[in-house]
């Protein structure tokens, strides 16, 4: 009996040893963070800010690679095939984690089986933007036309099931109107279409629209939050502007490949949360209009599931479709 117990303990120690060794030596080469957004877009800036700090802590390069398009589907399908050793991370959002599984029956990844949650990075607030010369002077103008002529008022998003589409359709459902959805692969083409008058409006954070606002090409109609933005008090909330009391506050998070040893996942969470709590990192992220909200892996997992429940009615009703 005693010999059997000792043998079992020895075997357990051997099984645990690789995980411990992996954690102690992590990272032992450059780390990649895959971002499904264009360079300079909000999540990309946050990822680069965190990457810079992590590279200092780990004494290893942390490289940000941009793979925009298809609401993260192509990038996630690639990421799930890499080694489960923590050296490749992905910036996930409500679209890639919560909506895509509801939209696509043949999705090439499973957010719960193929990926391990690490921590949320931030929550943002969407603002509804029109081009400066838009015929819509107020949110009430836009909603009135949408009610009178369903599907005539068009909006741009970064893809089917992307948070930008989910946000608009959440608002449309609450306002009982129908908009025409026009998806784009990247932010550059989306903004060009808006500025050129090919679409009527879009919804992104203040940071993402800042260059065009500064150039006098875009103006805001409303902010989808409970209160006005501290740095933009002139922008009314949706209810103040005549819209429904809807909040559109997307989030982004970091996930790793499923099967990554638990000690490495624990270290990733500790180091990423510590980086987000640094005053200089927090200040940089807050300066672009985001709220820094790190989390535990369990809290992120619950957020993904909760958002799936919220978006399910939009998808079931056909407001959000895969094509």
Protein backbone atom coordinates (compact mmCIF):
# COMPACT_ATOMS: atom_id res chain seq x y z
CA UNK A 1 0.00 0.00 0.00
CA UNK A 2 2.79 2.39 1.04
CA UNK A 3 4.78 1.67 -2.12
CA UNK A 4 1.70 2.26 -4.29
CA UNK A 5 1.05 5.59 -2.59
CA UNK A 6 4.65 6.70 -3.09
CA UNK A 7 4.51 5.69 -6.74
CA UNK A 8 1.31 7.67 -7.28
CA UNK A 9 2.80 10.74 -5.61
CA UNK A 10 5.92 10.45 -7.72
CA UNK A 11 3.87 10.17 -10.90
CA UNK A 12 1.83 13.23 -9.90
CA UNK A 13 4.99 15.19 -9.29
CA UNK A 14 6.31 14.27 -12.72
CA UNK A 15 3.07 15.40 -14.36
CA UNK A 16 3.08 18.70 -12.47
CA UNK A 17 6.74 19.41 -13.10
CA UNK A 18 6.43 20.53 -16.76
CA UNK A 19 3.73 23.06 -15.86
CA UNK A 20 5.83 24.47 -13.06
CA UNK A 21 8.87 24.62 -15.30
CA UNK A 22 6.87 26.26 -18.07
CA UNK A 23 5.59 28.91 -15.68
CA UNK A 24 9.04 29.61 -14.25
CA UNK A 25 10.54 30.03 -17.71
CA UNK A 26 7.69 32.00 -19.26
CA UNK A 27 8.08 33.76 -21.58
CA UNK A 28 11.20 32.30 -23.15
CA UNK A 29 10.77 33.96 -26.56
CA UNK A 30 8.82 36.89 -28.08
CA UNK A 31 5.10 37.04 -27.34
CA UNK A 32 2.54 37.95 -30.00
CA UNK A 33 -0.71 39.81 -29.41
CA UNK A 34 -3.09 39.43 -32.35
CA UNK A 35 -5.42 42.43 -32.75
CA UNK A 36 -8.44 42.11 -35.09
CA UNK A 37 -8.48 45.88 -35.67
CA UNK A 38 -6.58 48.34 -37.83
CA UNK A 39 -3.47 50.11 -36.59
CA UNK A 40 -4.40 53.19 -34.56
CA UNK A 41 -7.91 52.02 -33.73
CA UNK A 42 -8.76 52.07 -30.02
CA UNK A 43 -8.13 48.39 -29.14
CA UNK A 44 -4.86 48.50 -31.08
CA UNK A 45 -3.63 51.47 -29.02
CA UNK A 46 -4.53 49.68 -25.79
CA UNK A 47 -2.82 46.48 -26.90
CA UNK A 48 0.37 48.37 -27.78
CA UNK A 49 0.32 50.24 -24.49
CA UNK A 50 0.02 47.00 -22.51
CA UNK A 51 2.54 45.23 -24.76
CA UNK A 52 5.16 47.89 -24.08
CA UNK A 53 4.82 47.43 -20.34
CA UNK A 54 4.83 43.63 -20.54
CA UNK A 55 7.98 43.61 -22.64
CA UNK A 56 9.71 45.54 -19.87
CA UNK A 57 8.47 43.14 -17.19
CA UNK A 58 9.25 39.98 -19.14
CA UNK A 59 12.46 41.18 -20.79
CA UNK A 60 11.10 39.78 -24.04
CA UNK A 61 9.64 41.55 -27.08
CA UNK A 62 5.84 41.67 -27.09
CA UNK A 63 4.77 42.16 -30.69
CA UNK A 64 1.37 43.42 -31.80
CA UNK A 65 0.08 42.02 -35.11
CA UNK A 66 -3.01 43.52 -36.74
CA UNK A 67 -5.45 41.17 -38.49
CA UNK A 68 -8.62 43.20 -39.16
CA UNK A 69 -11.70 41.83 -40.88
CA UNK A 70 -14.47 39.22 -40.57
CA UNK A 71 -15.22 40.17 -36.95
CA UNK A 72 -12.08 38.35 -35.83
CA UNK A 73 -13.07 34.99 -37.33
CA UNK A 74 -10.03 34.53 -39.59
CA UNK A 75 -7.59 35.64 -36.91
CA UNK A 76 -9.14 33.44 -34.22
CA UNK A 77 -9.15 30.40 -36.51
CA UNK A 78 -5.41 30.91 -36.90
CA UNK A 79 -4.70 31.62 -33.26
CA UNK A 80 -6.43 28.48 -31.99
CA UNK A 81 -3.89 26.37 -33.92
CA UNK A 82 -0.77 27.83 -32.30
CA UNK A 83 1.04 26.15 -29.43
CA UNK A 84 -0.80 26.40 -26.12
CA UNK A 85 2.11 27.93 -24.27
CA UNK A 86 1.00 31.54 -23.67
CA UNK A 87 3.24 33.04 -26.34
CA UNK A 88 0.30 34.02 -28.59
CA UNK A 89 -2.57 36.09 -27.19
CA UNK A 90 -5.67 37.51 -28.85
CA UNK A 91 -7.63 40.71 -28.26
CA UNK A 92 -11.19 39.43 -28.04
CA UNK A 93 -14.47 41.36 -27.90
CA UNK A 94 -18.21 40.76 -27.66
CA UNK A 95 -18.44 40.14 -31.39
CA UNK A 96 -15.79 37.44 -31.64
CA UNK A 97 -16.63 35.75 -28.34
CA UNK A 98 -20.38 36.26 -27.78
CA UNK A 99 -22.08 37.01 -31.11
CA UNK A 100 -20.15 34.98 -33.68
CA UNK A 101 -21.07 31.59 -32.17
CA UNK A 102 -24.74 32.55 -32.45
CA UNK A 103 -24.37 33.82 -36.01
CA UNK A 104 -22.32 31.07 -37.64
CA UNK A 105 -23.22 27.39 -37.51
CA UNK A 106 -19.85 26.47 -39.01
CA UNK A 107 -17.67 28.85 -37.01
CA UNK A 108 -14.06 27.60 -37.17
CA UNK A 109 -13.55 28.06 -33.43
CA UNK A 110 -15.41 27.66 -30.17
CA UNK A 111 -14.84 30.58 -27.78
CA UNK A 112 -15.32 28.37 -24.72
CA UNK A 113 -13.43 25.25 -25.84
CA UNK A 114 -10.61 26.75 -27.91
CA UNK A 115 -9.62 29.72 -25.76
CA UNK A 116 -8.78 30.47 -22.15
CA UNK A 117 -9.91 33.83 -20.72
CA UNK A 118 -7.24 35.99 -19.10
CA UNK A 119 -8.59 39.47 -18.32
CA UNK A 120 -10.69 42.27 -19.70
CA UNK A 121 -8.72 45.31 -20.84
CA UNK A 122 -11.28 48.08 -21.03
CA UNK A 123 -14.88 49.11 -21.54
CA UNK A 124 -15.59 51.84 -24.09
CA UNK A 125 -18.54 54.07 -24.87
CA UNK A 126 -19.90 54.43 -28.37
CA UNK A 127 -20.85 57.76 -29.87
CA UNK A 128 -23.12 58.11 -32.91
CA UNK A 129 -21.31 60.06 -35.63
CA UNK A 130 -22.48 61.63 -38.91
CA UNK A 131 -20.49 63.54 -41.46
CA UNK A 132 -20.47 67.29 -40.93
CA UNK A 133 -22.71 67.95 -43.96
CA UNK A 134 -25.23 65.28 -42.98
CA UNK A 135 -28.91 66.06 -43.46
CA UNK A 136 -29.42 64.87 -39.89
CA UNK A 137 -28.93 67.71 -37.46
CA UNK A 138 -30.17 65.78 -34.44
CA UNK A 139 -30.80 62.22 -33.32
CA UNK A 140 -34.50 62.95 -33.51
CA UNK A 141 -34.13 63.83 -37.21
CA UNK A 142 -32.46 60.49 -37.89
CA UNK A 143 -35.02 58.43 -35.99
CA UNK A 144 -37.93 60.28 -37.58
CA UNK A 145 -36.69 59.44 -41.09
CA UNK A 146 -35.97 55.84 -40.08
CA UNK A 147 -39.55 55.46 -38.86
CA UNK A 148 -41.01 57.08 -41.96
CA UNK A 149 -38.81 55.15 -44.42
CA UNK A 150 -37.59 51.83 -42.96
CA UNK A 151 -34.10 50.69 -44.04
CA UNK A 152 -33.38 53.98 -45.83
CA UNK A 153 -31.07 55.37 -43.17
CA UNK A 154 -27.80 53.46 -43.42
CA UNK A 155 -25.00 52.84 -40.97
CA UNK A 156 -21.46 51.51 -41.28
CA UNK A 157 -19.93 48.86 -39.06
CA UNK A 158 -16.76 46.79 -38.98
CA UNK A 159 -18.56 43.61 -39.97
CA UNK A 160 -21.51 41.36 -39.34
CA UNK A 161 -21.69 40.60 -35.64
CA UNK A 162 -19.07 43.19 -34.79
CA UNK A 163 -19.72 45.24 -31.61
CA UNK A 164 -20.36 48.29 -33.77
CA UNK A 165 -23.26 46.49 -35.46
CA UNK A 166 -24.51 44.93 -32.24
CA UNK A 167 -24.61 48.36 -30.64
CA UNK A 168 -26.60 49.99 -33.44
CA UNK A 169 -29.08 47.13 -33.68
CA UNK A 170 -29.58 47.20 -29.91
CA UNK A 171 -30.50 50.87 -30.25
CA UNK A 172 -32.68 50.24 -33.33
CA UNK A 173 -34.61 47.50 -31.57
CA UNK A 174 -35.26 49.74 -28.58
CA UNK A 175 -36.34 52.60 -30.86
CA UNK A 176 -38.44 50.27 -33.04
CA UNK A 177 -36.77 51.34 -36.27
CA UNK A 178 -34.92 49.55 -39.06
CA UNK A 179 -31.59 50.79 -40.39
CA UNK A 180 -29.69 49.55 -43.44
CA UNK A 181 -26.47 47.85 -42.36
CA UNK A 182 -23.33 48.32 -44.50
CA UNK A 183 -20.36 46.27 -43.21
CA UNK A 184 -16.71 47.16 -43.88
CA UNK A 185 -13.50 45.20 -43.47
CA UNK A 186 -11.46 47.94 -41.83
CA UNK A 187 -11.82 51.31 -40.17
CA UNK A 188 -10.21 53.26 -43.00
CA UNK A 189 -12.73 52.22 -45.64
CA UNK A 190 -15.58 52.60 -43.16
CA UNK A 191 -14.68 56.19 -42.32
CA UNK A 192 -14.10 57.04 -45.98
CA UNK A 193 -17.60 55.86 -46.82
CA UNK A 194 -19.06 57.93 -44.00
CA UNK A 195 -17.18 61.10 -44.91
CA UNK A 196 -18.08 60.67 -48.59
CA UNK A 197 -21.77 60.32 -47.77
CA UNK A 198 -22.04 56.70 -48.90
CA UNK A 199 -23.51 55.80 -45.48
CA UNK A 200 -25.39 57.98 -43.03
CA UNK A 201 -23.76 57.23 -39.68
CA UNK A 202 -21.56 54.96 -37.63
CA UNK A 203 -20.88 54.37 -33.98
CA UNK A 204 -17.37 54.26 -32.54
CA UNK A 205 -15.51 55.68 -29.56
CA UNK A 206 -14.38 59.30 -29.41
CA UNK A 207 -10.75 58.25 -29.88
CA UNK A 208 -11.43 56.36 -33.08
CA UNK A 209 -13.25 59.33 -34.60
CA UNK A 210 -10.90 62.00 -33.20
CA UNK A 211 -8.76 62.66 -36.32
CA UNK A 212 -11.82 63.21 -38.52
CA UNK A 213 -13.53 65.31 -35.87
CA UNK A 214 -10.42 67.47 -35.59
CA UNK A 215 -10.40 67.82 -39.38
CA UNK A 216 -14.00 69.03 -39.27
CA UNK A 217 -15.38 66.03 -41.16
CA UNK A 218 -17.48 64.35 -38.46
CA UNK A 219 -19.84 65.55 -35.75
CA UNK A 220 -21.58 63.68 -32.93
CA UNK A 221 -25.31 63.23 -32.44
CA UNK A 222 -25.38 61.37 -29.12
CA UNK A 223 -23.40 59.25 -26.69
CA UNK A 224 -24.84 55.88 -25.66
CA UNK A 225 -24.21 56.13 -21.93
CA UNK A 226 -26.04 57.00 -18.72
CA UNK A 227 -24.18 60.29 -18.42
CA UNK A 228 -22.40 62.69 -20.75
CA UNK A 229 -18.71 62.07 -21.30
CA UNK A 230 -16.51 64.04 -18.93
CA UNK A 231 -14.20 65.18 -21.73
CA UNK A 232 -17.05 65.87 -24.18
CA UNK A 233 -19.86 67.37 -22.11
CA UNK A 234 -21.39 68.96 -25.20
CA UNK A 235 -22.49 65.57 -26.58
CA UNK A 236 -25.96 64.66 -25.25
CA UNK A 237 -26.84 61.16 -24.11
CA UNK A 238 -29.17 59.14 -26.30
CA UNK A 239 -32.28 59.91 -24.20
CA UNK A 240 -31.34 63.58 -24.05
CA UNK A 241 -31.03 63.58 -27.85
CA UNK A 242 -34.43 61.97 -28.32
CA UNK A 243 -33.31 58.36 -28.57
CA UNK A 244 -33.99 55.27 -26.45
CA UNK A 245 -32.29 54.78 -23.06
CA UNK A 246 -29.71 52.37 -24.43
CA UNK A 247 -26.09 52.01 -23.39
CA UNK A 248 -23.57 50.90 -26.00
CA UNK A 249 -20.39 50.09 -24.11
CA UNK A 250 -18.22 47.51 -25.88
CA UNK A 251 -15.29 45.80 -24.22
CA UNK A 252 -12.05 44.16 -25.20
CA UNK A 253 -10.09 41.45 -23.43
CA UNK A 254 -7.10 39.17 -23.77
CA UNK A 255 -7.45 35.42 -24.21
CA UNK A 256 -4.94 32.61 -24.69
CA UNK A 257 -5.19 29.26 -26.41
CA UNK A 258 -7.05 26.56 -24.49
CA UNK A 259 -4.70 24.04 -22.92
CA UNK A 260 -2.18 26.66 -21.85
CA UNK A 261 -0.77 25.45 -18.50
CA UNK A 262 -2.60 26.96 -15.55
CA UNK A 263 0.55 28.44 -13.97
CA UNK A 264 1.17 30.40 -17.19
CA UNK A 265 -2.45 31.58 -17.32
CA UNK A 266 -2.14 32.69 -13.70
CA UNK A 267 1.03 34.61 -14.49
CA UNK A 268 -0.53 36.21 -17.55
CA UNK A 269 -3.47 37.42 -15.50
CA UNK A 270 -1.23 38.76 -12.71
CA UNK A 271 1.12 40.58 -15.07
CA UNK A 272 -1.59 42.00 -17.34
CA UNK A 273 -3.72 43.20 -14.43
CA UNK A 274 -0.65 44.74 -12.80
CA UNK A 275 0.19 46.55 -16.05
CA UNK A 276 -3.35 47.90 -16.38
CA UNK A 277 -3.23 49.25 -12.83
CA UNK A 278 -0.07 51.28 -13.40
CA UNK A 279 -0.92 55.02 -13.33
CA UNK A 280 0.90 55.72 -16.61
CA UNK A 281 -0.81 52.84 -18.42
CA UNK A 282 -4.22 53.74 -17.02
CA UNK A 283 -3.71 57.39 -17.96
CA UNK A 284 -2.79 56.48 -21.53
CA UNK A 285 -5.87 54.30 -21.97
CA UNK A 286 -8.24 56.73 -20.27
CA UNK A 287 -6.87 59.53 -22.48
CA UNK A 288 -8.41 57.81 -25.50
CA UNK A 289 -11.79 57.56 -23.80
CA UNK A 290 -11.76 54.03 -22.39
CA UNK A 291 -12.43 52.82 -18.86
CA UNK A 292 -9.71 50.47 -17.63
CA UNK A 293 -11.44 47.46 -16.08
CA UNK A 294 -9.17 44.44 -15.49
CA UNK A 295 -10.84 41.22 -14.37
CA UNK A 296 -10.34 37.66 -13.27
CA UNK A 297 -10.62 34.92 -15.91
CA UNK A 298 -13.91 33.83 -14.35
CA UNK A 299 -15.35 37.35 -14.56
CA UNK A 300 -14.38 37.53 -18.24
CA UNK A 301 -15.95 34.14 -18.91
CA UNK A 302 -19.18 35.29 -17.29
CA UNK A 303 -19.12 38.52 -19.32
CA UNK A 304 -18.86 36.52 -22.55
CA UNK A 305 -21.81 34.32 -21.59
CA UNK A 306 -23.92 37.25 -20.40
CA UNK A 307 -23.41 39.18 -23.63
CA UNK A 308 -24.38 36.10 -25.64
CA UNK A 309 -27.71 36.12 -23.81
CA UNK A 310 -28.17 39.82 -24.54
CA UNK A 311 -27.44 39.49 -28.26
CA UNK A 312 -29.40 36.30 -28.83
CA UNK A 313 -32.73 38.15 -29.40
CA UNK A 314 -31.10 40.44 -31.98
CA UNK A 315 -29.84 37.45 -33.92
CA UNK A 316 -33.02 35.41 -33.52
CA UNK A 317 -35.11 38.31 -34.84
CA UNK A 318 -32.83 38.71 -37.87
CA UNK A 319 -31.58 42.16 -36.94
CA UNK A 320 -28.05 40.79 -36.89
CA UNK A 321 -27.23 38.24 -39.58
CA UNK A 322 -24.13 36.48 -40.79
CA UNK A 323 -24.49 37.85 -44.35
